[in-house]
Each structure stands twice: as structure tokens, then as C-alpha cells.
Amino acid sequence: MDMSDREEVVLCGASAYNKKYYLNGDFKGLPAAVRDELKIMCVLFTEDIGGIFELVFDENGNLQFKTSCDEGDLLYDDIGCGLKIKELQRTKEELLRSLEMYYKVLYMG
């Protein structure tokens, strides 16, 4: 798989609007426990905060949290969003570092 021409690569995401979870098929080789943990993390985020939540690798292979919401979505918790991201960065630090290493080794060389 050649990802060198992309700026960002979506690992996974979830939407509170259509109640769906997405895992990029390029990462189906991740261990089942890791895939399960990602799904739980994304779905719980959208259940708590609302909107759309994505984990995205930037052009340097760093994992970024991206959130968005529909215009006029009064249920989206903008303040809670920042707090939840900080909590995930702290509590899931080992998982996030491992995913970055996995991506850099397998997809960036």
C-alpha cells in the first residue's frame, strides 16, 4: 500500500449522527483487542460528546484527534470535547504510541 501521496490517513472514526463506526480496511491487520479498544473509544466519545470523532495519522505519522459537528448541533459538547481528548491522550497514551509506531514502521518505512 502506498500512502506517500496522502497528507492524512484516517485510522478510524465514529458518528453520533448515524450511529456508525468506521475502521479503515488498511488496518484490519491490527490485533482484535486493539481494534475493539479503538471501537469502544470512538463510540463512547460520540455518545458522550456528540458529533463526529476521528483518529487520523498526519503526514509525519503522528496520531491526531479530529472532531466536528453539524452546524447548529446544540447537543454537541464543545467544552467536554477538549476535556475528553485530554483524558484519552492521558489514559490511552501507550495504545496511541503503539499505533504511531505500527503506522510508521509498516506504512512509512
PDB file of N, CA and C in Angstrom:
ATOM      1  N   MET A   1       0.842  -1.167   0.000  1.00  0.00           N
ATOM      2  CA  MET A   1       0.000   0.000   0.000  1.00  0.00           C
ATOM      3  C   MET A   1       0.895   1.240   0.000  1.00  0.00           C
ATOM      4  N   ASP A   2       0.607   2.162  -0.893  1.00  0.00           N
ATOM      5  CA  ASP A   2       1.407   3.375  -0.995  1.00  0.00           C
ATOM      6  C   ASP A   2       0.627   4.543  -0.413  1.00  0.00           C
ATOM      7  N   MET A   3       1.077   5.018   0.738  1.00  0.00           N
ATOM      8  CA  MET A   3       0.386   6.135   1.377  1.00  0.00           C
ATOM      9  C   MET A   3       1.212   7.410   1.288  1.00  0.00           C
ATOM     10  N   SER A   4       2.285   7.399   0.517  1.00  0.00           N
ATOM     11  CA  SER A   4       3.182   8.548   0.484  1.00  0.00           C
ATOM     12  C   SER A   4       2.560   9.766  -0.181  1.00  0.00           C
ATOM     13  N   ASP A   5       1.513   9.562  -1.012  1.00  0.00           N
ATOM     14  CA  ASP A   5       0.911  10.703  -1.693  1.00  0.00           C
ATOM     15  C   ASP A   5      -0.240  11.323  -0.898  1.00  0.00           C
ATOM     16  N   ARG A   6      -0.537  10.781   0.266  1.00  0.00           N
ATOM     17  CA  ARG A   6      -1.615  11.308   1.103  1.00  0.00           C
ATOM     18  C   ARG A   6      -1.041  12.169   2.210  1.00  0.00           C
ATOM     19  N   GLU A   7      -1.809  13.192   2.583  1.00  0.00           N
ATOM     20  CA  GLU A   7      -1.392  14.008   3.713  1.00  0.00           C
ATOM     21  C   GLU A   7      -1.873  13.405   5.020  1.00  0.00           C
ATOM     22  N   GLU A   8      -3.117  12.932   5.027  1.00  0.00           N
ATOM     23  CA  GLU A   8      -3.690  12.337   6.233  1.00  0.00           C
ATOM     24  C   GLU A   8      -4.291  10.984   5.897  1.00  0.00           C
ATOM     25  N   VAL A   9      -4.222  10.087   6.851  1.00  0.00           N
ATOM     26  CA  VAL A   9      -4.821   8.764   6.696  1.00  0.00           C
ATOM     27  C   VAL A   9      -5.718   8.526   7.907  1.00  0.00           C
ATOM     28  N   VAL A  10      -6.993   8.297   7.653  1.00  0.00           N
ATOM     29  CA  VAL A  10      -7.944   8.027   8.733  1.00  0.00           C
ATOM     30  C   VAL A  10      -7.737   6.598   9.223  1.00  0.00           C
ATOM     31  N   LEU A  11      -7.539   6.457  10.523  1.00  0.00           N
ATOM     32  CA  LEU A  11      -7.449   5.136  11.138  1.00  0.00           C
ATOM     33  C   LEU A  11      -8.858   4.617  11.416  1.00  0.00           C
ATOM     34  N   CYS A  12      -9.642   5.428  12.128  1.00  0.00           N
ATOM     35  CA  CYS A  12     -10.998   5.026  12.472  1.00  0.00           C
ATOM     36  C   CYS A  12     -11.806   6.252  12.864  1.00  0.00           C
ATOM     37  N   GLY A  13     -13.096   6.049  12.996  1.00  0.00           N
ATOM     38  CA  GLY A  13     -13.955   7.157  13.389  1.00  0.00           C
ATOM     39  C   GLY A  13     -15.341   6.668  13.742  1.00  0.00           C
ATOM     40  N   ALA A  14     -16.112   7.562  14.345  1.00  0.00           N
ATOM     41  CA  ALA A  14     -17.486   7.251  14.707  1.00  0.00           C
ATOM     42  C   ALA A  14     -18.322   8.517  14.564  1.00  0.00           C
ATOM     43  N   SER A  15     -19.611   8.313  14.319  1.00  0.00           N
ATOM     44  CA  SER A  15     -20.530   9.431  14.167  1.00  0.00           C
ATOM     45  C   SER A  15     -21.725   9.249  15.090  1.00  0.00           C
ATOM     46  N   ALA A  16     -22.041  10.308  15.833  1.00  0.00           N
ATOM     47  CA  ALA A  16     -23.233  10.285  16.675  1.00  0.00           C
ATOM     48  C   ALA A  16     -24.490  10.448  15.824  1.00  0.00           C
ATOM     49  N   TYR A  17     -24.339  10.975  14.613  1.00  0.00           N
ATOM     50  CA  TYR A  17     -25.497  11.253  13.766  1.00  0.00           C
ATOM     51  C   TYR A  17     -26.094   9.990  13.156  1.00  0.00           C
ATOM     52  N   ASN A  18     -25.259   9.131  12.614  1.00  0.00           N
ATOM     53  CA  ASN A  18     -25.789   7.912  12.013  1.00  0.00           C
ATOM     54  C   ASN A  18     -25.465   6.662  12.838  1.00  0.00           C
ATOM     55  N   LYS A  19     -24.900   6.874  14.035  1.00  0.00           N
ATOM     56  CA  LYS A  19     -24.583   5.776  14.963  1.00  0.00           C
ATOM     57  C   LYS A  19     -23.723   4.704  14.293  1.00  0.00           C
ATOM     58  N   LYS A  20     -22.702   5.138  13.558  1.00  0.00           N
ATOM     59  CA  LYS A  20     -21.835   4.187  12.862  1.00  0.00           C
ATOM     60  C   LYS A  20     -20.396   4.364  13.290  1.00  0.00           C
ATOM     61  N   TYR A  21     -19.657   3.253  13.188  1.00  0.00           N
ATOM     62  CA  TYR A  21     -18.222   3.217  13.453  1.00  0.00           C
ATOM     63  C   TYR A  21     -17.534   2.774  12.172  1.00  0.00           C
ATOM     64  N   TYR A  22     -16.365   3.357  11.905  1.00  0.00           N
ATOM     65  CA  TYR A  22     -15.605   3.016  10.705  1.00  0.00           C
ATOM     66  C   TYR A  22     -14.161   2.712  11.095  1.00  0.00           C
ATOM     67  N   LEU A  23     -13.637   1.596  10.580  1.00  0.00           N
ATOM     68  CA  LEU A  23     -12.214   1.277  10.705  1.00  0.00           C
ATOM     69  C   LEU A  23     -11.673   1.149   9.292  1.00  0.00           C
ATOM     70  N   ASN A  24     -10.641   1.913   8.983  1.00  0.00           N
ATOM     71  CA  ASN A  24     -10.008   1.862   7.668  1.00  0.00           C
ATOM     72  C   ASN A  24      -9.568   0.419   7.404  1.00  0.00           C
ATOM     73  N   GLY A  25      -9.986  -0.143   6.278  1.00  0.00           N
ATOM     74  CA  GLY A  25      -9.663  -1.520   5.922  1.00  0.00           C
ATOM     75  C   GLY A  25      -8.172  -1.794   5.838  1.00  0.00           C
ATOM     76  N   ASP A  26      -7.368  -0.759   5.626  1.00  0.00           N
ATOM     77  CA  ASP A  26      -5.919  -0.921   5.564  1.00  0.00           C
ATOM     78  C   ASP A  26      -5.345  -1.363   6.907  1.00  0.00           C
ATOM     79  N   PHE A  27      -6.122  -1.207   7.976  1.00  0.00           N
ATOM     80  CA  PHE A  27      -5.643  -1.527   9.316  1.00  0.00           C
ATOM     81  C   PHE A  27      -6.328  -2.761   9.910  1.00  0.00           C
ATOM     82  N   LYS A  28      -6.922  -3.586   9.065  1.00  0.00           N
ATOM     83  CA  LYS A  28      -7.577  -4.796   9.565  1.00  0.00           C
ATOM     84  C   LYS A  28      -6.573  -5.802  10.116  1.00  0.00           C
ATOM     85  N   GLY A  29      -5.280  -5.585   9.860  1.00  0.00           N
ATOM     86  CA  GLY A  29      -4.235  -6.447  10.396  1.00  0.00           C
ATOM     87  C   GLY A  29      -3.900  -6.168  11.855  1.00  0.00           C
ATOM     88  N   LEU A  30      -4.475  -5.114  12.418  1.00  0.00           N
ATOM     89  CA  LEU A  30      -4.263  -4.832  13.839  1.00  0.00           C
ATOM     90  C   LEU A  30      -4.869  -5.962  14.667  1.00  0.00           C
ATOM     91  N   PRO A  31      -4.279  -6.267  15.818  1.00  0.00           N
ATOM     92  CA  PRO A  31      -4.857  -7.303  16.692  1.00  0.00           C
ATOM     93  C   PRO A  31      -6.308  -6.968  17.057  1.00  0.00           C
ATOM     94  N   ALA A  32      -7.118  -8.000  17.207  1.00  0.00           N
ATOM     95  CA  ALA A  32      -8.541  -7.823  17.519  1.00  0.00           C
ATOM     96  C   ALA A  32      -8.747  -6.977  18.776  1.00  0.00           C
ATOM     97  N   ALA A  33      -7.918  -7.177  19.781  1.00  0.00           N
ATOM     98  CA  ALA A  33      -8.060  -6.415  21.033  1.00  0.00           C
ATOM     99  C   ALA A  33      -7.846  -4.924  20.785  1.00  0.00           C
ATOM    100  N   VAL A  34      -6.920  -4.576  19.908  1.00  0.00           N
ATOM    101  CA  VAL A  34      -6.654  -3.171  19.582  1.00  0.00           C
ATOM    102  C   VAL A  34      -7.837  -2.603  18.791  1.00  0.00           C
ATOM    103  N   ARG A  35      -8.324  -3.365  17.820  1.00  0.00           N
ATOM    104  CA  ARG A  35      -9.484  -2.913  17.038  1.00  0.00           C
ATOM    105  C   ARG A  35     -10.693  -2.692  17.944  1.00  0.00           C
ATOM    106  N   ASP A  36     -10.891  -3.600  18.898  1.00  0.00           N
ATOM    107  CA  ASP A  36     -12.006  -3.465  19.842  1.00  0.00           C
ATOM    108  C   ASP A  36     -11.849  -2.221  20.708  1.00  0.00           C
ATOM    109  N   GLU A  37     -10.632  -1.982  21.182  1.00  0.00           N
ATOM    110  CA  GLU A  37     -10.392  -0.817  22.031  1.00  0.00           C
ATOM    111  C   GLU A  37     -10.622   0.486  21.263  1.00  0.00           C
ATOM    112  N   LEU A  38     -10.202   0.515  19.994  1.00  0.00           N
ATOM    113  CA  LEU A  38     -10.438   1.697  19.161  1.00  0.00           C
ATOM    114  C   LEU A  38     -11.934   1.938  18.969  1.00  0.00           C
ATOM    115  N   LYS A  39     -12.661   0.858  18.714  1.00  0.00           N
ATOM    116  CA  LYS A  39     -14.114   0.987  18.504  1.00  0.00           C
ATOM    117  C   LYS A  39     -14.788   1.530  19.756  1.00  0.00           C
ATOM    118  N   ILE A  40     -14.447   0.966  20.893  1.00  0.00           N
ATOM    119  CA  ILE A  40     -15.034   1.419  22.161  1.00  0.00           C
ATOM    120  C   ILE A  40     -14.704   2.895  22.401  1.00  0.00           C
ATOM    121  N   MET A  41     -13.448   3.257  22.182  1.00  0.00           N
ATOM    122  CA  MET A  41     -13.007   4.632  22.404  1.00  0.00           C
ATOM    123  C   MET A  41     -13.787   5.609  21.521  1.00  0.00           C
ATOM    124  N   CYS A  42     -13.908   5.300  20.237  1.00  0.00           N
ATOM    125  CA  CYS A  42     -14.588   6.205  19.302  1.00  0.00           C
ATOM    126  C   CYS A  42     -16.083   6.302  19.582  1.00  0.00           C
ATOM    127  N   VAL A  43     -16.719   5.155  19.800  1.00  0.00           N
ATOM    128  CA  VAL A  43     -18.164   5.147  20.027  1.00  0.00           C
ATOM    129  C   VAL A  43     -18.513   5.848  21.337  1.00  0.00           C
ATOM    130  N   LEU A  44     -17.761   5.577  22.396  1.00  0.00           N
ATOM    131  CA  LEU A  44     -18.033   6.253  23.673  1.00  0.00           C
ATOM    132  C   LEU A  44     -17.824   7.752  23.566  1.00  0.00           C
ATOM    133  N   PHE A  45     -16.811   8.173  22.783  1.00  0.00           N
ATOM    134  CA  PHE A  45     -16.584   9.606  22.594  1.00  0.00           C
ATOM    135  C   PHE A  45     -17.824  10.256  21.993  1.00  0.00           C
ATOM    136  N   THR A  46     -18.352   9.669  20.921  1.00  0.00           N
ATOM    137  CA  THR A  46     -19.514  10.285  20.263  1.00  0.00           C
ATOM    138  C   THR A  46     -20.774  10.177  21.121  1.00  0.00           C
ATOM    139  N   GLU A  47     -20.863   9.144  21.947  1.00  0.00           N
ATOM    140  CA  GLU A  47     -22.007   9.039  22.859  1.00  0.00           C
ATOM    141  C   GLU A  47     -21.945  10.138  23.924  1.00  0.00           C
ATOM    142  N   ASP A  48     -20.746  10.419  24.435  1.00  0.00           N
ATOM    143  CA  ASP A  48     -20.577  11.434  25.481  1.00  0.00           C
ATOM    144  C   ASP A  48     -20.627  12.854  24.931  1.00  0.00           C
ATOM    145  N   ILE A  49     -19.964  13.088  23.799  1.00  0.00           N
ATOM    146  CA  ILE A  49     -19.740  14.444  23.296  1.00  0.00           C
ATOM    147  C   ILE A  49     -20.673  14.797  22.142  1.00  0.00           C
ATOM    148  N   GLY A  50     -20.955  13.814  21.300  1.00  0.00           N
ATOM    149  CA  GLY A  50     -21.761  14.058  20.107  1.00  0.00           C
ATOM    150  C   GLY A  50     -20.850  14.281  18.905  1.00  0.00           C
ATOM    151  N   GLY A  51     -21.457  14.608  17.788  1.00  0.00           N
ATOM    152  CA  GLY A  51     -20.694  14.935  16.585  1.00  0.00           C
ATOM    153  C   GLY A  51     -19.998  13.746  15.958  1.00  0.00           C
ATOM    154  N   ILE A  52     -18.888  14.043  15.292  1.00  0.00           N
ATOM    155  CA  ILE A  52     -18.080  13.041  14.595  1.00  0.00           C
ATOM    156  C   ILE A  52     -16.683  13.068  15.193  1.00  0.00           C
ATOM    157  N   PHE A  53     -16.134  11.893  15.437  1.00  0.00           N
ATOM    158  CA  PHE A  53     -14.806  11.758  16.036  1.00  0.00           C
ATOM    159  C   PHE A  53     -13.972  10.855  15.143  1.00  0.00           C
ATOM    160  N   GLU A  54     -12.742  11.292  14.838  1.00  0.00           N
ATOM    161  CA  GLU A  54     -11.839  10.504  14.007  1.00  0.00           C
ATOM    162  C   GLU A  54     -10.445  10.473  14.611  1.00  0.00           C
ATOM    163  N   LEU A  55      -9.754   9.353  14.422  1.00  0.00           N
ATOM    164  CA  LEU A  55      -8.331   9.249  14.707  1.00  0.00           C
ATOM    165  C   LEU A  55      -7.639   9.227  13.353  1.00  0.00           C
ATOM    166  N   VAL A  56      -6.714  10.164  13.154  1.00  0.00           N
ATOM    167  CA  VAL A  56      -6.097  10.374  11.849  1.00  0.00           C
ATOM    168  C   VAL A  56      -4.581  10.447  11.996  1.00  0.00           C
ATOM    169  N   PHE A  57      -3.869   9.756  11.112  1.00  0.00           N
ATOM    170  CA  PHE A  57      -2.416   9.895  11.053  1.00  0.00           C
ATOM    171  C   PHE A  57      -2.079  11.086  10.168  1.00  0.00           C
ATOM    172  N   ASP A  58      -1.243  12.009  10.675  1.00  0.00           N
ATOM    173  CA  ASP A  58      -0.822  13.141   9.850  1.00  0.00           C
ATOM    174  C   ASP A  58       0.328  12.712   8.946  1.00  0.00           C
ATOM    175  N   GLU A  59       0.851  13.640   8.160  1.00  0.00           N
ATOM    176  CA  GLU A  59       1.897  13.303   7.178  1.00  0.00           C
ATOM    177  C   GLU A  59       3.187  12.821   7.837  1.00  0.00           C
ATOM    178  N   ASN A  60       3.364  13.087   9.134  1.00  0.00           N
ATOM    179  CA  ASN A  60       4.551  12.633   9.858  1.00  0.00           C
ATOM    180  C   ASN A  60       4.308  11.338  10.623  1.00  0.00           C
ATOM    181  N   GLY A  61       3.102  10.777  10.501  1.00  0.00           N
ATOM    182  CA  GLY A  61       2.795   9.535  11.191  1.00  0.00           C
ATOM    183  C   GLY A  61       2.325   9.714  12.620  1.00  0.00           C
ATOM    184  N   ASN A  62       2.023  10.943  13.009  1.00  0.00           N
ATOM    185  CA  ASN A  62       1.520  11.198  14.360  1.00  0.00           C
ATOM    186  C   ASN A  62       0.005  11.062  14.365  1.00  0.00           C
ATOM    187  N   LEU A  63      -0.523  10.480  15.414  1.00  0.00           N
ATOM    188  CA  LEU A  63      -1.957  10.261  15.535  1.00  0.00           C
ATOM    189  C   LEU A  63      -2.621  11.524  16.075  1.00  0.00           C
ATOM    190  N   GLN A  64      -3.617  11.997  15.355  1.00  0.00           N
ATOM    191  CA  GLN A  64      -4.340  13.216  15.720  1.00  0.00           C
ATOM    192  C   GLN A  64      -5.799  12.877  15.999  1.00  0.00           C
ATOM    193  N   PHE A  65      -6.398  13.623  16.915  1.00  0.00           N
ATOM    194  CA  PHE A  65      -7.827  13.506  17.193  1.00  0.00           C
ATOM    195  C   PHE A  65      -8.525  14.609  16.408  1.00  0.00           C
ATOM    196  N   LYS A  66      -9.559  14.265  15.662  1.00  0.00           N
ATOM    197  CA  LYS A  66     -10.333  15.249  14.924  1.00  0.00           C
ATOM    198  C   LYS A  66     -11.796  15.108  15.304  1.00  0.00           C
ATOM    199  N   THR A  67     -12.409  16.233  15.587  1.00  0.00           N
ATOM    200  CA  THR A  67     -13.835  16.223  15.890  1.00  0.00           C
ATOM    201  C   THR A  67     -14.520  17.287  15.051  1.00  0.00           C
ATOM    202  N   SER A  68     -15.768  17.047  14.778  1.00  0.00           N
ATOM    203  CA  SER A  68     -16.578  18.028  14.057  1.00  0.00           C
ATOM    204  C   SER A  68     -18.031  17.788  14.426  1.00  0.00           C
ATOM    205  N   CYS A  69     -18.851  18.774  14.096  1.00  0.00           N
ATOM    206  CA  CYS A  69     -20.285  18.612  14.332  1.00  0.00           C
ATOM    207  C   CYS A  69     -21.034  19.368  13.252  1.00  0.00           C
ATOM    208  N   ASP A  70     -22.283  18.963  13.068  1.00  0.00           N
ATOM    209  CA  ASP A  70     -23.132  19.656  12.109  1.00  0.00           C
ATOM    210  C   ASP A  70     -23.404  21.060  12.616  1.00  0.00           C
ATOM    211  N   GLU A  71     -23.515  21.991  11.688  1.00  0.00           N
ATOM    212  CA  GLU A  71     -23.829  23.373  12.053  1.00  0.00           C
ATOM    213  C   GLU A  71     -25.182  23.392  12.759  1.00  0.00           C
ATOM    214  N   GLY A  72     -25.236  24.067  13.867  1.00  0.00           N
ATOM    215  CA  GLY A  72     -26.482  24.166  14.621  1.00  0.00           C
ATOM    216  C   GLY A  72     -26.757  22.993  15.543  1.00  0.00           C
ATOM    217  N   ASP A  73     -25.806  22.101  15.714  1.00  0.00           N
ATOM    218  CA  ASP A  73     -25.973  20.958  16.616  1.00  0.00           C
ATOM    219  C   ASP A  73     -25.825  21.450  18.052  1.00  0.00           C
ATOM    220  N   LEU A  74     -26.946  21.637  18.714  1.00  0.00           N
ATOM    221  CA  LEU A  74     -26.928  22.180  20.078  1.00  0.00           C
ATOM    222  C   LEU A  74     -26.553  21.140  21.124  1.00  0.00           C
ATOM    223  N   LEU A  75     -26.562  19.868  20.749  1.00  0.00           N
ATOM    224  CA  LEU A  75     -26.224  18.805  21.698  1.00  0.00           C
ATOM    225  C   LEU A  75     -24.728  18.525  21.764  1.00  0.00           C
ATOM    226  N   TYR A  76     -23.954  19.034  20.796  1.00  0.00           N
ATOM    227  CA  TYR A  76     -22.504  18.813  20.772  1.00  0.00           C
ATOM    228  C   TYR A  76     -21.859  19.543  21.939  1.00  0.00           C
ATOM    229  N   ASP A  77     -21.063  18.825  22.727  1.00  0.00           N
ATOM    230  CA  ASP A  77     -20.430  19.386  23.926  1.00  0.00           C
ATOM    231  C   ASP A  77     -19.028  19.890  23.589  1.00  0.00           C
ATOM    232  N   ASP A  78     -18.939  21.143  23.201  1.00  0.00           N
ATOM    233  CA  ASP A  78     -17.668  21.723  22.769  1.00  0.00           C
ATOM    234  C   ASP A  78     -16.631  21.766  23.892  1.00  0.00           C
ATOM    235  N   ILE A  79     -17.049  22.111  25.085  1.00  0.00           N
ATOM    236  CA  ILE A  79     -16.128  22.174  26.226  1.00  0.00           C
ATOM    237  C   ILE A  79     -15.700  20.769  26.638  1.00  0.00           C
ATOM    238  N   GLY A  80     -16.655  19.860  26.729  1.00  0.00           N
ATOM    239  CA  GLY A  80     -16.359  18.477  27.085  1.00  0.00           C
ATOM    240  C   GLY A  80     -15.448  17.804  26.078  1.00  0.00           C
ATOM    241  N   CYS A  81     -15.528  18.246  24.829  1.00  0.00           N
ATOM    242  CA  CYS A  81     -14.702  17.680  23.763  1.00  0.00           C
ATOM    243  C   CYS A  81     -13.214  17.807  24.095  1.00  0.00           C
ATOM    244  N   GLY A  82     -12.784  18.997  24.431  1.00  0.00           N
ATOM    245  CA  GLY A  82     -11.375  19.227  24.771  1.00  0.00           C
ATOM    246  C   GLY A  82     -10.946  18.427  25.985  1.00  0.00           C
ATOM    247  N   LEU A  83     -11.820  18.377  26.975  1.00  0.00           N
ATOM    248  CA  LEU A  83     -11.510  17.626  28.196  1.00  0.00           C
ATOM    249  C   LEU A  83     -11.417  16.133  27.913  1.00  0.00           C
ATOM    250  N   LYS A  84     -12.332  15.619  27.081  1.00  0.00           N
ATOM    251  CA  LYS A  84     -12.345  14.190  26.755  1.00  0.00           C
ATOM    252  C   LYS A  84     -11.094  13.805  25.965  1.00  0.00           C
ATOM    253  N   ILE A  85     -10.669  14.672  25.039  1.00  0.00           N
ATOM    254  CA  ILE A  85      -9.459  14.394  24.255  1.00  0.00           C
ATOM    255  C   ILE A  85      -8.242  14.346  25.167  1.00  0.00           C
ATOM    256  N   LYS A  86      -8.130  15.283  26.082  1.00  0.00           N
ATOM    257  CA  LYS A  86      -7.004  15.284  27.029  1.00  0.00           C
ATOM    258  C   LYS A  86      -7.008  14.005  27.866  1.00  0.00           C
ATOM    259  N   GLU A  87      -8.203  13.586  28.302  1.00  0.00           N
ATOM    260  CA  GLU A  87      -8.327  12.357  29.090  1.00  0.00           C
ATOM    261  C   GLU A  87      -7.880  11.143  28.267  1.00  0.00           C
ATOM    262  N   LEU A  88      -8.311  11.064  27.014  1.00  0.00           N
ATOM    263  CA  LEU A  88      -7.919   9.944  26.156  1.00  0.00           C
ATOM    264  C   LEU A  88      -6.418   9.942  25.894  1.00  0.00           C
ATOM    265  N   GLN A  89      -5.847  11.114  25.679  1.00  0.00           N
ATOM    266  CA  GLN A  89      -4.404  11.197  25.445  1.00  0.00           C
ATOM    267  C   GLN A  89      -3.631  10.702  26.666  1.00  0.00           C
ATOM    268  N   ARG A  90      -4.176  10.951  27.843  1.00  0.00           N
ATOM    269  CA  ARG A  90      -3.518  10.522  29.070  1.00  0.00           C
ATOM    270  C   ARG A  90      -3.744   9.031  29.337  1.00  0.00           C
ATOM    271  N   THR A  91      -4.984   8.582  29.265  1.00  0.00           N
ATOM    272  CA  THR A  91      -5.303   7.212  29.651  1.00  0.00           C
ATOM    273  C   THR A  91      -4.961   6.186  28.566  1.00  0.00           C
ATOM    274  N   LYS A  92      -4.896   6.612  27.331  1.00  0.00           N
ATOM    275  CA  LYS A  92      -4.610   5.691  26.216  1.00  0.00           C
ATOM    276  C   LYS A  92      -3.238   5.961  25.598  1.00  0.00           C
ATOM    277  N   GLU A  93      -2.362   6.599  26.349  1.00  0.00           N
ATOM    278  CA  GLU A  93      -1.053   7.000  25.819  1.00  0.00           C
ATOM    279  C   GLU A  93      -0.281   5.825  25.220  1.00  0.00           C
ATOM    280  N   GLU A  94      -0.246   4.703  25.929  1.00  0.00           N
ATOM    281  CA  GLU A  94       0.520   3.540  25.443  1.00  0.00           C
ATOM    282  C   GLU A  94      -0.067   3.011  24.129  1.00  0.00           C
ATOM    283  N   LEU A  95      -1.381   2.898  24.062  1.00  0.00           N
ATOM    284  CA  LEU A  95      -2.044   2.446  22.840  1.00  0.00           C
ATOM    285  C   LEU A  95      -1.747   3.395  21.676  1.00  0.00           C
ATOM    286  N   LEU A  96      -1.855   4.687  21.927  1.00  0.00           N
ATOM    287  CA  LEU A  96      -1.648   5.678  20.866  1.00  0.00           C
ATOM    288  C   LEU A  96      -0.210   5.663  20.361  1.00  0.00           C
ATOM    289  N   ARG A  97       0.749   5.546  21.266  1.00  0.00           N
ATOM    290  CA  ARG A  97       2.165   5.457  20.857  1.00  0.00           C
ATOM    291  C   ARG A  97       2.421   4.189  20.035  1.00  0.00           C
ATOM    292  N   SER A  98       1.823   3.085  20.467  1.00  0.00           N
ATOM    293  CA  SER A  98       1.989   1.819  19.743  1.00  0.00           C
ATOM    294  C   SER A  98       1.415   1.918  18.329  1.00  0.00           C
ATOM    295  N   LEU A  99       0.272   2.568  18.195  1.00  0.00           N
ATOM    296  CA  LEU A  99      -0.343   2.738  16.875  1.00  0.00           C
ATOM    297  C   LEU A  99       0.523   3.613  15.973  1.00  0.00           C
ATOM    298  N   GLU A 100       1.097   4.663  16.539  1.00  0.00           N
ATOM    299  CA  GLU A 100       2.003   5.519  15.756  1.00  0.00           C
ATOM    300  C   GLU A 100       3.211   4.723  15.279  1.00  0.00           C
ATOM    301  N   MET A 101       3.783   3.904  16.160  1.00  0.00           N
ATOM    302  CA  MET A 101       4.935   3.097  15.795  1.00  0.00           C
ATOM    303  C   MET A 101       4.554   2.097  14.708  1.00  0.00           C
ATOM    304  N   TYR A 102       3.421   1.438  14.867  1.00  0.00           N
ATOM    305  CA  TYR A 102       2.909   0.481  13.885  1.00  0.00           C
ATOM    306  C   TYR A 102       2.789   1.154  12.517  1.00  0.00           C
ATOM    307  N   TYR A 103       2.178   2.326  12.490  1.00  0.00           N
ATOM    308  CA  TYR A 103       1.978   3.047  11.228  1.00  0.00           C
ATOM    309  C   TYR A 103       3.307   3.459  10.600  1.00  0.00           C
ATOM    310  N   LYS A 104       4.204   4.006  11.408  1.00  0.00           N
ATOM    311  CA  LYS A 104       5.493   4.473  10.881  1.00  0.00           C
ATOM    312  C   LYS A 104       6.323   3.324  10.329  1.00  0.00           C
ATOM    313  N   VAL A 105       6.316   2.181  11.009  1.00  0.00           N
ATOM    314  CA  VAL A 105       7.110   1.037  10.569  1.00  0.00           C
ATOM    315  C   VAL A 105       6.508   0.404   9.314  1.00  0.00           C
ATOM    316  N   LEU A 106       5.208   0.157   9.332  1.00  0.00           N
ATOM    317  CA  LEU A 106       4.590  -0.580   8.226  1.00  0.00           C
ATOM    318  C   LEU A 106       4.251   0.273   7.010  1.00  0.00           C
ATOM    319  N   TYR A 107       3.918   1.527   7.214  1.00  0.00           N
ATOM    320  CA  TYR A 107       3.422   2.330   6.106  1.00  0.00           C
ATOM    321  C   TYR A 107       4.330   3.474   5.666  1.00  0.00           C
ATOM    322  N   MET A 108       5.249   3.871   6.528  1.00  0.00           N
ATOM    323  CA  MET A 108       6.132   4.972   6.177  1.00  0.00           C
ATOM    324  C   MET A 108       7.557   4.494   5.938  1.00  0.00           C
ATOM    325  N   GLY A 109       7.842   3.254   6.336  1.00  0.00           N
ATOM    326  CA  GLY A 109       9.200   2.714   6.159  1.00  0.00           C
ATOM    327  C   GLY A 109      10.052   3.154   7.266  1.00  0.00           C
TER     328      GLY A 109
END
